[in-house]
C-alpha atoms as a PDB file:
ATOM      1  CA  UNK A   1    -104.126  18.276  40.014  1.00  0.00           C
ATOM      2  CA  UNK A   2    -101.657  17.655  37.176  1.00  0.00           C
ATOM      3  CA  UNK A   3    -100.042  14.421  35.938  1.00  0.00           C
ATOM      4  CA  UNK A   4     -97.380  15.094  37.425  1.00  0.00           C
ATOM      5  CA  UNK A   5     -98.515  15.636  40.390  1.00  0.00           C
ATOM      6  CA  UNK A   6    -101.046  12.773  40.348  1.00  0.00           C
ATOM      7  CA  UNK A   7     -97.907  10.703  40.214  1.00  0.00           C
ATOM      8  CA  UNK A   8     -96.377  11.422  42.796  1.00  0.00           C
ATOM      9  CA  UNK A   9     -99.705  11.507  44.903  1.00  0.00           C
ATOM     10  CA  UNK A  10     -99.835   7.759  43.727  1.00  0.00           C
ATOM     11  CA  UNK A  11     -96.223   6.865  44.536  1.00  0.00           C
ATOM     12  CA  UNK A  12     -97.078   7.855  48.295  1.00  0.00           C
ATOM     13  CA  UNK A  13     -99.905   6.209  48.742  1.00  0.00           C
ATOM     14  CA  UNK A  14     -99.709   3.114  47.284  1.00  0.00           C
ATOM     15  CA  UNK A  15     -97.141   0.479  48.215  1.00  0.00           C
ATOM     16  CA  UNK A  16     -96.905  -0.668  45.352  1.00  0.00           C
ATOM     17  CA  UNK A  17     -95.468   0.835  42.958  1.00  0.00           C
ATOM     18  CA  UNK A  18     -96.401   1.643  39.518  1.00  0.00           C
ATOM     19  CA  UNK A  19     -98.563  -1.378  39.650  1.00  0.00           C
ATOM     20  CA  UNK A  20    -102.015   1.096  39.542  1.00  0.00           C
ATOM     21  CA  UNK A  21    -101.505   1.628  35.734  1.00  0.00           C
ATOM     22  CA  UNK A  22    -102.041  -2.203  34.518  1.00  0.00           C
ATOM     23  CA  UNK A  23    -105.268  -3.179  33.562  1.00  0.00           C
ATOM     24  CA  UNK A  24    -106.682  -6.698  34.347  1.00  0.00           C
ATOM     25  CA  UNK A  25    -108.909  -9.592  34.130  1.00  0.00           C
ATOM     26  CA  UNK A  26    -111.108 -10.485  36.802  1.00  0.00           C
ATOM     27  CA  UNK A  27    -114.024 -13.077  37.687  1.00  0.00           C
ATOM     28  CA  UNK A  28    -116.193 -11.773  39.720  1.00  0.00           C
ATOM     29  CA  UNK A  29    -118.530 -14.180  41.421  1.00  0.00           C
ATOM     30  CA  UNK A  30    -121.860 -13.345  42.585  1.00  0.00           C
ATOM     31  CA  UNK A  31    -123.523 -10.289  41.093  1.00  0.00           C
ATOM     32  CA  UNK A  32    -126.073  -9.113  43.691  1.00  0.00           C
ATOM     33  CA  UNK A  33    -126.665  -5.809  45.251  1.00  0.00           C
ATOM     34  CA  UNK A  34    -122.814  -4.977  45.609  1.00  0.00           C
ATOM     35  CA  UNK A  35    -121.174  -7.864  43.223  1.00  0.00           C
ATOM     36  CA  UNK A  36    -122.834  -6.213  39.786  1.00  0.00           C
ATOM     37  CA  UNK A  37    -121.562  -2.721  40.327  1.00  0.00           C
ATOM     38  CA  UNK A  38    -118.262  -3.140  41.637  1.00  0.00           C
ATOM     39  CA  UNK A  39    -117.864  -5.362  38.113  1.00  0.00           C
ATOM     40  CA  UNK A  40    -119.900  -2.422  36.334  1.00  0.00           C
ATOM     41  CA  UNK A  41    -116.907  -0.014  38.243  1.00  0.00           C
ATOM     42  CA  UNK A  42    -113.893  -2.368  37.100  1.00  0.00           C
ATOM     43  CA  UNK A  43    -114.967  -2.076  33.714  1.00  0.00           C
ATOM     44  CA  UNK A  44    -115.103   1.788  33.284  1.00  0.00           C
ATOM     45  CA  UNK A  45    -111.988   1.316  34.431  1.00  0.00           C
ATOM     46  CA  UNK A  46    -110.668  -0.482  31.284  1.00  0.00           C
ATOM     47  CA  UNK A  47    -110.280  -3.606  33.728  1.00  0.00           C
ATOM     48  CA  UNK A  48    -111.673  -6.697  32.124  1.00  0.00           C
ATOM     49  CA  UNK A  49    -114.646  -8.516  34.169  1.00  0.00           C
ATOM     50  CA  UNK A  50    -116.048 -11.623  33.955  1.00  0.00           C
ATOM     51  CA  UNK A  51    -119.077 -12.104  35.607  1.00  0.00           C
ATOM     52  CA  UNK A  52    -120.510 -15.198  37.377  1.00  0.00           C
ATOM     53  CA  UNK A  53    -123.747 -15.813  39.127  1.00  0.00           C
ATOM     54  CA  UNK A  54    -126.423 -18.817  38.597  1.00  0.00           C
ATOM     55  CA  UNK A  55    -129.299 -16.455  39.715  1.00  0.00           C
ATOM     56  CA  UNK A  56    -128.146 -13.660  37.635  1.00  0.00           C
ATOM     57  CA  UNK A  57    -129.387 -12.714  34.019  1.00  0.00           C
ATOM     58  CA  UNK A  58    -125.384 -10.504  34.027  1.00  0.00           C
ATOM     59  CA  UNK A  59    -123.916 -13.822  34.466  1.00  0.00           C
ATOM     60  CA  UNK A  60    -120.987 -14.153  31.906  1.00  0.00           C
ATOM     61  CA  UNK A  61    -119.498 -17.785  32.551  1.00  0.00           C
ATOM     62  CA  UNK A  62    -121.706 -20.916  33.611  1.00  0.00           C
ATOM     63  CA  UNK A  63    -119.839 -22.560  36.391  1.00  0.00           C
ATOM     64  CA  UNK A  64    -116.779 -22.249  38.198  1.00  0.00           C
ATOM     65  CA  UNK A  65    -115.221 -23.724  36.023  1.00  0.00           C
ATOM     66  CA  UNK A  66    -116.374 -22.162  33.015  1.00  0.00           C
ATOM     67  CA  UNK A  67    -115.650 -18.508  34.682  1.00  0.00           C
ATOM     68  CA  UNK A  68    -111.485 -19.863  35.241  1.00  0.00           C
ATOM     69  CA  UNK A  69    -111.250 -21.328  31.644  1.00  0.00           C
ATOM     70  CA  UNK A  70    -112.269 -17.580  30.517  1.00  0.00           C
ATOM     71  CA  UNK A  71    -109.505 -15.960  32.919  1.00  0.00           C
ATOM     72  CA  UNK A  72    -106.737 -17.028  31.113  1.00  0.00           C
ATOM     73  CA  UNK A  73    -103.142 -18.231  32.072  1.00  0.00           C
ATOM     74  CA  UNK A  74    -102.796 -20.354  35.083  1.00  0.00           C
ATOM     75  CA  UNK A  75    -100.353 -17.851  37.383  1.00  0.00           C
ATOM     76  CA  UNK A  76    -102.298 -14.625  36.814  1.00  0.00           C
ATOM     77  CA  UNK A  77    -106.289 -15.482  36.550  1.00  0.00           C
ATOM     78  CA  UNK A  78    -108.099 -13.582  40.011  1.00  0.00           C
ATOM     79  CA  UNK A  79    -111.229 -14.492  41.453  1.00  0.00           C
ATOM     80  CA  UNK A  80    -113.063 -12.546  43.295  1.00  0.00           C
ATOM     81  CA  UNK A  81    -115.683 -13.394  45.559  1.00  0.00           C
ATOM     82  CA  UNK A  82    -118.830 -11.162  46.644  1.00  0.00           C
ATOM     83  CA  UNK A  83    -121.353 -14.269  47.860  1.00  0.00           C
ATOM     84  CA  UNK A  84    -123.052 -14.217  51.534  1.00  0.00           C
ATOM     85  CA  UNK A  85    -120.602 -14.875  54.370  1.00  0.00           C
ATOM     86  CA  UNK A  86    -120.295 -18.627  55.675  1.00  0.00           C
ATOM     87  CA  UNK A  87    -121.439 -21.669  54.154  1.00  0.00           C
ATOM     88  CA  UNK A  88    -121.185 -19.845  50.613  1.00  0.00           C
ATOM     89  CA  UNK A  89    -118.000 -18.378  50.859  1.00  0.00           C
ATOM     90  CA  UNK A  90    -116.716 -21.635  51.981  1.00  0.00           C
ATOM     91  CA  UNK A  91    -117.749 -23.456  49.684  1.00  0.00           C
ATOM     92  CA  UNK A  92    -116.787 -20.958  46.775  1.00  0.00           C
ATOM     93  CA  UNK A  93    -112.900 -20.508  48.146  1.00  0.00           C
ATOM     94  CA  UNK A  94    -112.926 -24.696  48.609  1.00  0.00           C
ATOM     95  CA  UNK A  95    -113.821 -25.214  45.104  1.00  0.00           C
ATOM     96  CA  UNK A  96    -111.641 -22.366  43.694  1.00  0.00           C
ATOM     97  CA  UNK A  97    -108.876 -23.977  45.769  1.00  0.00           C
ATOM     98  CA  UNK A  98    -109.141 -27.054  43.390  1.00  0.00           C
ATOM     99  CA  UNK A  99    -109.428 -24.890  40.194  1.00  0.00           C
ATOM    100  CA  UNK A 100    -106.563 -22.651  41.006  1.00  0.00           C
ATOM    101  CA  UNK A 101    -103.398 -23.096  40.251  1.00  0.00           C
ATOM    102  CA  UNK A 102     -99.329 -21.704  41.956  1.00  0.00           C
ATOM    103  CA  UNK A 103     -99.412 -17.828  41.181  1.00  0.00           C
ATOM    104  CA  UNK A 104    -103.527 -17.477  40.604  1.00  0.00           C
ATOM    105  CA  UNK A 105    -105.274 -15.010  42.579  1.00  0.00           C
ATOM    106  CA  UNK A 106    -108.789 -15.466  45.368  1.00  0.00           C
ATOM    107  CA  UNK A 107    -109.558 -12.096  46.762  1.00  0.00           C
ATOM    108  CA  UNK A 108    -113.010 -12.401  49.128  1.00  0.00           C
ATOM    109  CA  UNK A 109    -114.354  -8.508  49.033  1.00  0.00           C
ATOM    110  CA  UNK A 110    -117.499 -10.088  51.357  1.00  0.00           C
ATOM    111  CA  UNK A 111    -118.467 -10.012  55.088  1.00  0.00           C
ATOM    112  CA  UNK A 112    -116.574 -12.735  56.018  1.00  0.00           C
ATOM    113  CA  UNK A 113    -115.484 -13.536  59.536  1.00  0.00           C
ATOM    114  CA  UNK A 114    -111.810 -12.910  60.054  1.00  0.00           C
ATOM    115  CA  UNK A 115    -111.384 -16.204  61.575  1.00  0.00           C
ATOM    116  CA  UNK A 116    -113.015 -18.017  58.672  1.00  0.00           C
ATOM    117  CA  UNK A 117    -110.268 -15.670  55.676  1.00  0.00           C
ATOM    118  CA  UNK A 118    -107.729 -16.800  57.659  1.00  0.00           C
ATOM    119  CA  UNK A 119    -108.832 -20.443  57.258  1.00  0.00           C
ATOM    120  CA  UNK A 120    -108.952 -19.798  53.740  1.00  0.00           C
ATOM    121  CA  UNK A 121    -105.857 -18.190  53.625  1.00  0.00           C
ATOM    122  CA  UNK A 122    -104.046 -21.025  54.730  1.00  0.00           C
ATOM    123  CA  UNK A 123    -105.972 -23.408  52.376  1.00  0.00           C
ATOM    124  CA  UNK A 124    -105.138 -21.653  49.451  1.00  0.00           C
ATOM    125  CA  UNK A 125    -101.409 -21.277  50.458  1.00  0.00           C
ATOM    126  CA  UNK A 126    -100.519 -24.428  50.501  1.00  0.00           C
ATOM    127  CA  UNK A 127    -101.647 -25.005  46.638  1.00  0.00           C
ATOM    128  CA  UNK A 128     -99.659 -21.986  46.171  1.00  0.00           C
ATOM    129  CA  UNK A 129    -102.517 -19.751  45.235  1.00  0.00           C
ATOM    130  CA  UNK A 130    -102.682 -16.516  46.974  1.00  0.00           C
ATOM    131  CA  UNK A 131    -105.346 -15.233  49.085  1.00  0.00           C
ATOM    132  CA  UNK A 132    -106.566 -10.951  49.529  1.00  0.00           C
ATOM    133  CA  UNK A 133    -109.476 -10.631  52.215  1.00  0.00           C
ATOM    134  CA  UNK A 134    -110.659  -7.361  51.160  1.00  0.00           C
ATOM    135  CA  UNK A 135    -113.351  -5.646  54.029  1.00  0.00           C
ATOM    136  CA  UNK A 136    -115.331  -3.676  51.111  1.00  0.00           C
ATOM    137  CA  UNK A 137    -117.733  -0.280  52.524  1.00  0.00           C
ATOM    138  CA  UNK A 138    -120.026   1.993  50.470  1.00  0.00           C
ATOM    139  CA  UNK A 139    -123.221  -0.272  49.790  1.00  0.00           C
ATOM    140  CA  UNK A 140    -125.237   0.812  46.511  1.00  0.00           C
ATOM    141  CA  UNK A 141    -123.233   3.968  46.733  1.00  0.00           C
ATOM    142  CA  UNK A 142    -120.339   2.497  45.159  1.00  0.00           C
ATOM    143  CA  UNK A 143    -121.163   2.233  41.918  1.00  0.00           C
ATOM    144  CA  UNK A 144    -120.972   6.142  41.546  1.00  0.00           C
ATOM    145  CA  UNK A 145    -118.644   7.650  44.804  1.00  0.00           C
ATOM    146  CA  UNK A 146    -115.954   4.975  45.306  1.00  0.00           C
ATOM    147  CA  UNK A 147    -115.537   1.823  47.682  1.00  0.00           C
ATOM    148  CA  UNK A 148    -113.440   2.289  50.978  1.00  0.00           C
ATOM    149  CA  UNK A 149    -111.158  -0.872  50.774  1.00  0.00           C
ATOM    150  CA  UNK A 150    -109.637  -2.488  54.146  1.00  0.00           C
ATOM    151  CA  UNK A 151    -107.807  -4.862  52.336  1.00  0.00           C
ATOM    152  CA  UNK A 152    -105.570  -8.125  54.043  1.00  0.00           C
ATOM    153  CA  UNK A 153    -102.632 -10.590  52.282  1.00  0.00           C
ATOM    154  CA  UNK A 154     -98.869 -10.871  51.615  1.00  0.00           C
ATOM    155  CA  UNK A 155     -97.492  -8.089  50.194  1.00  0.00           C
ATOM    156  CA  UNK A 156     -96.934  -9.240  46.894  1.00  0.00           C
ATOM    157  CA  UNK A 157    -100.125 -11.092  46.265  1.00  0.00           C
ATOM    158  CA  UNK A 158    -102.126  -7.675  47.004  1.00  0.00           C
ATOM    159  CA  UNK A 159     -99.763  -6.290  44.580  1.00  0.00           C
ATOM    160  CA  UNK A 160    -101.367  -8.257  41.879  1.00  0.00           C
ATOM    161  CA  UNK A 161    -104.722  -7.082  42.883  1.00  0.00           C
ATOM    162  CA  UNK A 162    -104.013  -3.346  43.543  1.00  0.00           C
ATOM    163  CA  UNK A 163    -105.334  -2.149  40.468  1.00  0.00           C
ATOM    164  CA  UNK A 164    -108.327  -3.073  40.382  1.00  0.00           C
ATOM    165  CA  UNK A 165    -108.592  -2.427  44.593  1.00  0.00           C
ATOM    166  CA  UNK A 166    -107.248   1.316  43.394  1.00  0.00           C
ATOM    167  CA  UNK A 167    -110.010   1.464  40.632  1.00  0.00           C
ATOM    168  CA  UNK A 168    -112.891   0.259  43.187  1.00  0.00           C
ATOM    169  CA  UNK A 169    -111.766   2.598  45.721  1.00  0.00           C
ATOM    170  CA  UNK A 170    -112.688   6.926  45.820  1.00  0.00           C
ATOM    171  CA  UNK A 171    -109.053   7.240  43.550  1.00  0.00           C
ATOM    172  CA  UNK A 172    -106.528   9.482  44.712  1.00  0.00           C
ATOM    173  CA  UNK A 173    -105.287   7.213  47.797  1.00  0.00           C
ATOM    174  CA  UNK A 174    -108.526   7.836  49.730  1.00  0.00           C
ATOM    175  CA  UNK A 175    -110.777   4.589  51.583  1.00  0.00           C
ATOM    176  CA  UNK A 176    -108.078   2.440  50.397  1.00  0.00           C
ATOM    177  CA  UNK A 177    -105.451   0.547  52.702  1.00  0.00           C
ATOM    178  CA  UNK A 178    -103.322  -2.481  52.953  1.00  0.00           C
ATOM    179  CA  UNK A 179    -104.032  -3.144  56.700  1.00  0.00           C
ATOM    180  CA  UNK A 180    -102.272  -6.040  57.535  1.00  0.00           C
ATOM    181  CA  UNK A 181    -101.746 -10.012  56.799  1.00  0.00           C
ATOM    182  CA  UNK A 182    -104.418 -11.852  55.707  1.00  0.00           C
ATOM    183  CA  UNK A 183    -107.627 -11.786  58.236  1.00  0.00           C
ATOM    184  CA  UNK A 184    -106.768  -7.881  58.863  1.00  0.00           C
ATOM    185  CA  UNK A 185    -108.857  -6.850  56.414  1.00  0.00           C
ATOM    186  CA  UNK A 186    -112.386  -8.964  57.548  1.00  0.00           C
ATOM    187  CA  UNK A 187    -111.132  -7.318  61.170  1.00  0.00           C
ATOM    188  CA  UNK A 188    -111.064  -4.077  60.307  1.00  0.00           C
ATOM    189  CA  UNK A 189    -114.434  -4.610  58.633  1.00  0.00           C
ATOM    190  CA  UNK A 190    -115.587  -5.914  61.078  1.00  0.00           C
ATOM    191  CA  UNK A 191    -114.396  -3.290  63.692  1.00  0.00           C
ATOM    192  CA  UNK A 192    -115.800  -0.775  61.009  1.00  0.00           C
ATOM    193  CA  UNK A 193    -119.312  -2.130  61.494  1.00  0.00           C
ATOM    194  CA  UNK A 194    -119.403  -2.116  65.071  1.00  0.00           C
ATOM    195  CA  UNK A 195    -118.705   1.456  65.232  1.00  0.00           C
ATOM    196  CA  UNK A 196    -121.501   1.792  61.837  1.00  0.00           C
ATOM    197  CA  UNK A 197    -123.485   0.110  64.256  1.00  0.00           C
ATOM    198  CA  UNK A 198    -123.379   2.402  67.348  1.00  0.00           C
ATOM    199  CA  UNK A 199    -123.495   5.712  65.391  1.00  0.00           C
ATOM    200  CA  UNK A 200    -126.744   4.683  63.646  1.00  0.00           C
ATOM    201  CA  UNK A 201    -128.260   4.317  67.211  1.00  0.00           C
ATOM    202  CA  UNK A 202    -127.364   7.791  67.567  1.00  0.00           C
ATOM    203  CA  UNK A 203    -128.692   9.211  65.463  1.00  0.00           C
ATOM    204  CA  UNK A 204    -131.960   6.796  65.570  1.00  0.00           C
ATOM    205  CA  UNK A 205    -131.978   8.134  69.461  1.00  0.00           C
ATOM    206  CA  UNK A 206    -131.901  11.471  68.431  1.00  0.00           C
ATOM    207  CA  UNK A 207    -134.583  11.219  66.288  1.00  0.00           C
ATOM    208  CA  UNK A 208    -136.903   9.431  68.458  1.00  0.00           C
ATOM    209  CA  UNK A 209    -136.399  12.134  71.483  1.00  0.00           C
ATOM    210  CA  UNK A 210    -136.678  15.188  68.685  1.00  0.00           C
ATOM    211  CA  UNK A 211    -139.767  13.226  67.205  1.00  0.00           C
ATOM    212  CA  UNK A 212    -141.723  12.670  70.918  1.00  0.00           C
ATOM    213  CA  UNK A 213    -141.181  15.755  72.276  1.00  0.00           C
ATOM    214  CA  UNK A 214    -144.196  17.992  73.415  1.00  0.00           C
ATOM    215  CA  UNK A 215    -142.823  20.600  72.135  1.00  0.00           C
ATOM    216  CA  UNK A 216    -143.704  19.982  68.615  1.00  0.00           C
ATOM    217  CA  UNK A 217    -140.452  20.010  66.999  1.00  0.00           C
ATOM    218  CA  UNK A 218    -140.131  20.032  62.904  1.00  0.00           C
ATOM    219  CA  UNK A 219    -137.578  16.896  63.298  1.00  0.00           C
ATOM    220  CA  UNK A 220    -137.060  17.659  59.312  1.00  0.00           C
ATOM    221  CA  UNK A 221    -136.072  20.952  59.893  1.00  0.00           C
ATOM    222  CA  UNK A 222    -134.341  19.930  63.104  1.00  0.00           C
ATOM    223  CA  UNK A 223    -132.132  17.301  61.233  1.00  0.00           C
ATOM    224  CA  UNK A 224    -131.228  19.898  57.994  1.00  0.00           C
ATOM    225  CA  UNK A 225    -129.699  22.263  60.548  1.00  0.00           C
ATOM    226  CA  UNK A 226    -127.516  19.052  61.619  1.00  0.00           C
ATOM    227  CA  UNK A 227    -125.765  18.537  58.367  1.00  0.00           C
ATOM    228  CA  UNK A 228    -123.547  21.845  58.250  1.00  0.00           C
ATOM    229  CA  UNK A 229    -121.397  23.652  60.427  1.00  0.00           C
ATOM    230  CA  UNK A 230    -122.775  20.952  63.125  1.00  0.00           C
ATOM    231  CA  UNK A 231    -120.053  18.724  64.794  1.00  0.00           C
ATOM    232  CA  UNK A 232    -122.302  15.490  63.985  1.00  0.00           C
ATOM    233  CA  UNK A 233    -122.853  16.262  60.376  1.00  0.00           C
ATOM    234  CA  UNK A 234    -122.179  13.017  58.427  1.00  0.00           C
ATOM    235  CA  UNK A 235    -122.967  10.591  55.518  1.00  0.00           C
ATOM    236  CA  UNK A 236    -125.379   8.963  57.976  1.00  0.00           C
ATOM    237  CA  UNK A 237    -126.840  11.712  58.979  1.00  0.00           C
ATOM    238  CA  UNK A 238    -127.700  12.717  54.961  1.00  0.00           C
ATOM    239  CA  UNK A 239    -129.050   9.056  54.405  1.00  0.00           C
ATOM    240  CA  UNK A 240    -131.383  10.159  57.229  1.00  0.00           C
ATOM    241  CA  UNK A 241    -132.520  12.806  56.372  1.00  0.00           C
ATOM    242  CA  UNK A 242    -133.005  11.755  52.610  1.00  0.00           C
ATOM    243  CA  UNK A 243    -135.125   8.876  54.366  1.00  0.00           C
ATOM    244  CA  UNK A 244    -137.182  10.897  56.462  1.00  0.00           C
ATOM    245  CA  UNK A 245    -137.881  13.003  52.682  1.00  0.00           C
ATOM    246  CA  UNK A 246    -138.720   9.741  50.739  1.00  0.00           C
ATOM    247  CA  UNK A 247    -142.185   8.631  50.434  1.00  0.00           C
ATOM    248  CA  UNK A 248    -143.953   7.279  53.178  1.00  0.00           C
ATOM    249  CA  UNK A 249    -140.608   8.435  55.194  1.00  0.00           C
ATOM    250  CA  UNK A 250    -139.924   6.700  58.931  1.00  0.00           C
ATOM    251  CA  UNK A 251    -143.588   5.794  59.650  1.00  0.00           C
ATOM    252  CA  UNK A 252    -144.023   3.321  56.687  1.00  0.00           C
ATOM    253  CA  UNK A 253    -141.415   1.318  57.783  1.00  0.00           C
ATOM    254  CA  UNK A 254    -141.727  -1.636  60.529  1.00  0.00           C
ATOM    255  CA  UNK A 255    -139.183  -0.810  63.568  1.00  0.00           C
ATOM    256  CA  UNK A 256    -137.331  -4.147  62.436  1.00  0.00           C
ATOM    257  CA  UNK A 257    -133.235  -3.759  61.949  1.00  0.00           C
ATOM    258  CA  UNK A 258    -131.632  -7.671  61.368  1.00  0.00           C
ATOM    259  CA  UNK A 259    -127.821  -7.975  62.429  1.00  0.00           C
ATOM    260  CA  UNK A 260    -125.641  -8.860  59.785  1.00  0.00           C
ATOM    261  CA  UNK A 261    -123.352 -10.338  62.317  1.00  0.00           C
ATOM    262  CA  UNK A 262    -119.993  -8.766  62.243  1.00  0.00           C
ATOM    263  CA  UNK A 263    -121.788  -6.583  65.506  1.00  0.00           C
ATOM    264  CA  UNK A 264    -121.596  -9.931  67.469  1.00  0.00           C
ATOM    265  CA  UNK A 265    -118.086 -10.626  66.392  1.00  0.00           C
ATOM    266  CA  UNK A 266    -116.848  -6.673  67.166  1.00  0.00           C
ATOM    267  CA  UNK A 267    -118.106  -7.276  70.877  1.00  0.00           C
ATOM    268  CA  UNK A 268    -117.090 -10.993  71.317  1.00  0.00           C
ATOM    269  CA  UNK A 269    -113.679  -9.650  69.966  1.00  0.00           C
ATOM    270  CA  UNK A 270    -114.012  -6.803  72.632  1.00  0.00           C
ATOM    271  CA  UNK A 271    -114.713  -9.001  74.994  1.00  0.00           C
ATOM    272  CA  UNK A 272    -111.604 -11.317  74.367  1.00  0.00           C
ATOM    273  CA  UNK A 273    -109.443  -8.618  74.257  1.00  0.00           C
ATOM    274  CA  UNK A 274    -110.354  -6.930  77.161  1.00  0.00           C
ATOM    275  CA  UNK A 275    -111.601  -3.596  75.592  1.00  0.00           C
ATOM    276  CA  UNK A 276    -114.500  -2.582  77.021  1.00  0.00           C
ATOM    277  CA  UNK A 277    -117.296  -1.087  74.263  1.00  0.00           C
ATOM    278  CA  UNK A 278    -120.573  -0.477  75.693  1.00  0.00           C
ATOM    279  CA  UNK A 279    -121.373   2.060  73.240  1.00  0.00           C
ATOM    280  CA  UNK A 280    -121.491  -0.936  69.916  1.00  0.00           C
ATOM    281  CA  UNK A 281    -122.855  -3.083  72.856  1.00  0.00           C
ATOM    282  CA  UNK A 282    -126.067  -1.386  73.656  1.00  0.00           C
ATOM    283  CA  UNK A 283    -126.468  -0.300  69.720  1.00  0.00           C
ATOM    284  CA  UNK A 284    -126.460  -4.570  69.034  1.00  0.00           C
ATOM    285  CA  UNK A 285    -128.737  -5.412  71.729  1.00  0.00           C
ATOM    286  CA  UNK A 286    -131.103  -2.594  71.123  1.00  0.00           C
ATOM    287  CA  UNK A 287    -131.607  -5.052  67.655  1.00  0.00           C
ATOM    288  CA  UNK A 288    -132.359  -8.261  69.809  1.00  0.00           C
ATOM    289  CA  UNK A 289    -135.243  -6.821  71.714  1.00  0.00           C
ATOM    290  CA  UNK A 290    -138.655  -7.228  70.909  1.00  0.00           C
ATOM    291  CA  UNK A 291    -140.079  -3.805  69.484  1.00  0.00           C
ATOM    292  CA  UNK A 292    -143.150  -2.472  70.372  1.00  0.00           C
ATOM    293  CA  UNK A 293    -145.315  -1.181  67.433  1.00  0.00           C
ATOM    294  CA  UNK A 294    -144.424   2.712  68.480  1.00  0.00           C
ATOM    295  CA  UNK A 295    -140.670   2.426  68.382  1.00  0.00           C
ATOM    296  CA  UNK A 296    -139.071   4.979  66.174  1.00  0.00           C
ATOM    297  CA  UNK A 297    -135.076   3.820  66.650  1.00  0.00           C
ATOM    298  CA  UNK A 298    -135.586   1.144  65.355  1.00  0.00           C
ATOM    299  CA  UNK A 299    -137.681   2.577  62.093  1.00  0.00           C
ATOM    300  CA  UNK A 300    -134.707   4.879  61.942  1.00  0.00           C
ATOM    301  CA  UNK A 301    -132.459   2.158  61.967  1.00  0.00           C
ATOM    302  CA  UNK A 302    -134.201   0.086  59.301  1.00  0.00           C
ATOM    303  CA  UNK A 303    -134.253   3.322  57.297  1.00  0.00           C
ATOM    304  CA  UNK A 304    -130.913   3.619  56.881  1.00  0.00           C
ATOM    305  CA  UNK A 305    -129.988   0.471  56.654  1.00  0.00           C
ATOM    306  CA  UNK A 306    -132.210   0.238  53.689  1.00  0.00           C
ATOM    307  CA  UNK A 307    -130.287   3.930  52.391  1.00  0.00           C
ATOM    308  CA  UNK A 308    -126.386   3.258  52.217  1.00  0.00           C
ATOM    309  CA  UNK A 309    -126.716  -0.692  51.544  1.00  0.00           C
ATOM    310  CA  UNK A 310    -130.223  -1.368  49.533  1.00  0.00           C
ATOM    311  CA  UNK A 311    -131.645  -4.059  52.792  1.00  0.00           C
ATOM    312  CA  UNK A 312    -134.885  -4.744  52.530  1.00  0.00           C
ATOM    313  CA  UNK A 313    -137.120  -3.225  54.991  1.00  0.00           C
ATOM    314  CA  UNK A 314    -140.127  -4.836  56.891  1.00  0.00           C
ATOM    315  CA  UNK A 315    -143.181  -2.432  55.923  1.00  0.00           C
ATOM    316  CA  UNK A 316    -145.467  -0.747  58.586  1.00  0.00           C
ATOM    317  CA  UNK A 317    -149.024  -3.018  58.779  1.00  0.00           C
ATOM    318  CA  UNK A 318    -152.710  -1.846  59.634  1.00  0.00           C
ATOM    319  CA  UNK A 319    -152.127  -3.667  62.962  1.00  0.00           C
ATOM    320  CA  UNK A 320    -148.977  -1.234  63.110  1.00  0.00           C
ATOM    321  CA  UNK A 321    -150.692   1.950  63.423  1.00  0.00           C
ATOM    322  CA  UNK A 322    -147.964   4.769  64.049  1.00  0.00           C
END
């Protein structure tokens, strides 16, 4: 793509004009699996990142106060939170509300409940501080391939952080969308995760049927045939093939897969709206039931969660002989 063609593409895909060329200074709060990789991707794109995480040796700042001070002049500061949803995010946003000034922006890129994001946005707005809720998907692979970003917030506030969003995305307008007002970003990510539950469960059930067949099917070969030309080919399928090939394979993983919360929120919202969601509901309930030691499906789901998100797995024990 030529320079002129790229500029035309950016003009078509970005609702925020030519802001994509700006270089920002961003405070990244939380340097875990996602936060550290996002900070590195931003730096590679030419943005300056000040990291803060009391549990990480990669931390640049010694406290939230120190981080905000390092971000420069009031009115142009951007603090990006990548801490766990719930209490940790609420505490971080509340403290930032006291530290930030009118014109500054707080971004929550974690897996927060959309109702919490709406509340956070309202609290910050009273101080004149902008808020962006950025639903973020990409897991441990985002550093290399970019992140899918579902962004909520007022257009003028989103415009201030748009260059960073573009840098984190796969690029050329892909995987990045301003989906609505404050709360819409995390709402969209919530539904995304509900769909993810269903897709993972379908792959897990297919794997289990193949593995338990009396025909002695070569399961890795069967999955490999699905990767090219098939209507079910997907990144999740590719990760399943990778998990099967890993040392120890599926059998080394205990049949336990945690539920992160967003699946529950999606089902609750579907019930509130009167939307039938049997696939997502069944996938969520499958994680709730007590699994027997021979359960293949939850082994597959656990393996997939490790592959795309780096989530820890429970290893099969001597009492779990399969």
